[in-house]
């Protein structure tokens, strides 16, 4: 069933306009009586098409319920900036796995160091579009946000507001995911390095603000593999898989 997202909804007058309406009428060639889902803030509104005009689709509400695909924890992926194609892949797959927010972080060992203004103007809209498409494909109830690129200091400040933060660090000395403890936790941060990983000082600064250092074993994972692995483990441990 086609899924569309909105930030506000009037249950007595559910209407889709603009590109969504064009997609229903011209691309999907849908007709009155066919079913669509409108997602708003984690709630699925199951509707049928009442009528269609050139630029507007009027919907009749059938039922509503909390989106079953949404995790019961809010997960922020703090991803040290990798090359753009890898970041696009990470965003797509992490949205499919249930991430709530992706924060690109510029750390010392980032091979890719995009200009902040260029990233904001040219790359960020595309990254958020990838998140939107992945959310539709995977049946999510929200579109996870890809934020502006932040510094390490800004990222650490954001992490301090979360219930738990996990730092993936390739050096031994950390605990396993199962030892972190997620009982009663509502918000989790995952902090993952770029191609060059983290330097020790960066890792120590994350631990100082309360991040739990986790070691995934002796195999060194690529920067695009690590977040997918970490999210999969986290979702399993919190009964969201």
Foldseek 3Di string as FASTA:
>chain_A
DFEEEDADADLVWGKDFDPVLCCCCPVVVDAFQDWYWYFYPQKTFIWTFHHHDPTMTTTHTDDMDGQLLADQAAEEEAEADEPLVLLLLLLLLLLLLHHQEYEHEHADPHPDDDDQVCCVPPVQVVSQVSQVVSCRVNRGRDRHHYDRYYYLVVVLVVQLPAPAEAEEAADPDFAAPVPRDCVPGRYYYYYFYAQVTHDPVSVVVSVVSPYGYHHPDNDDDHRSVVVSVVSVVVCVVSVSD
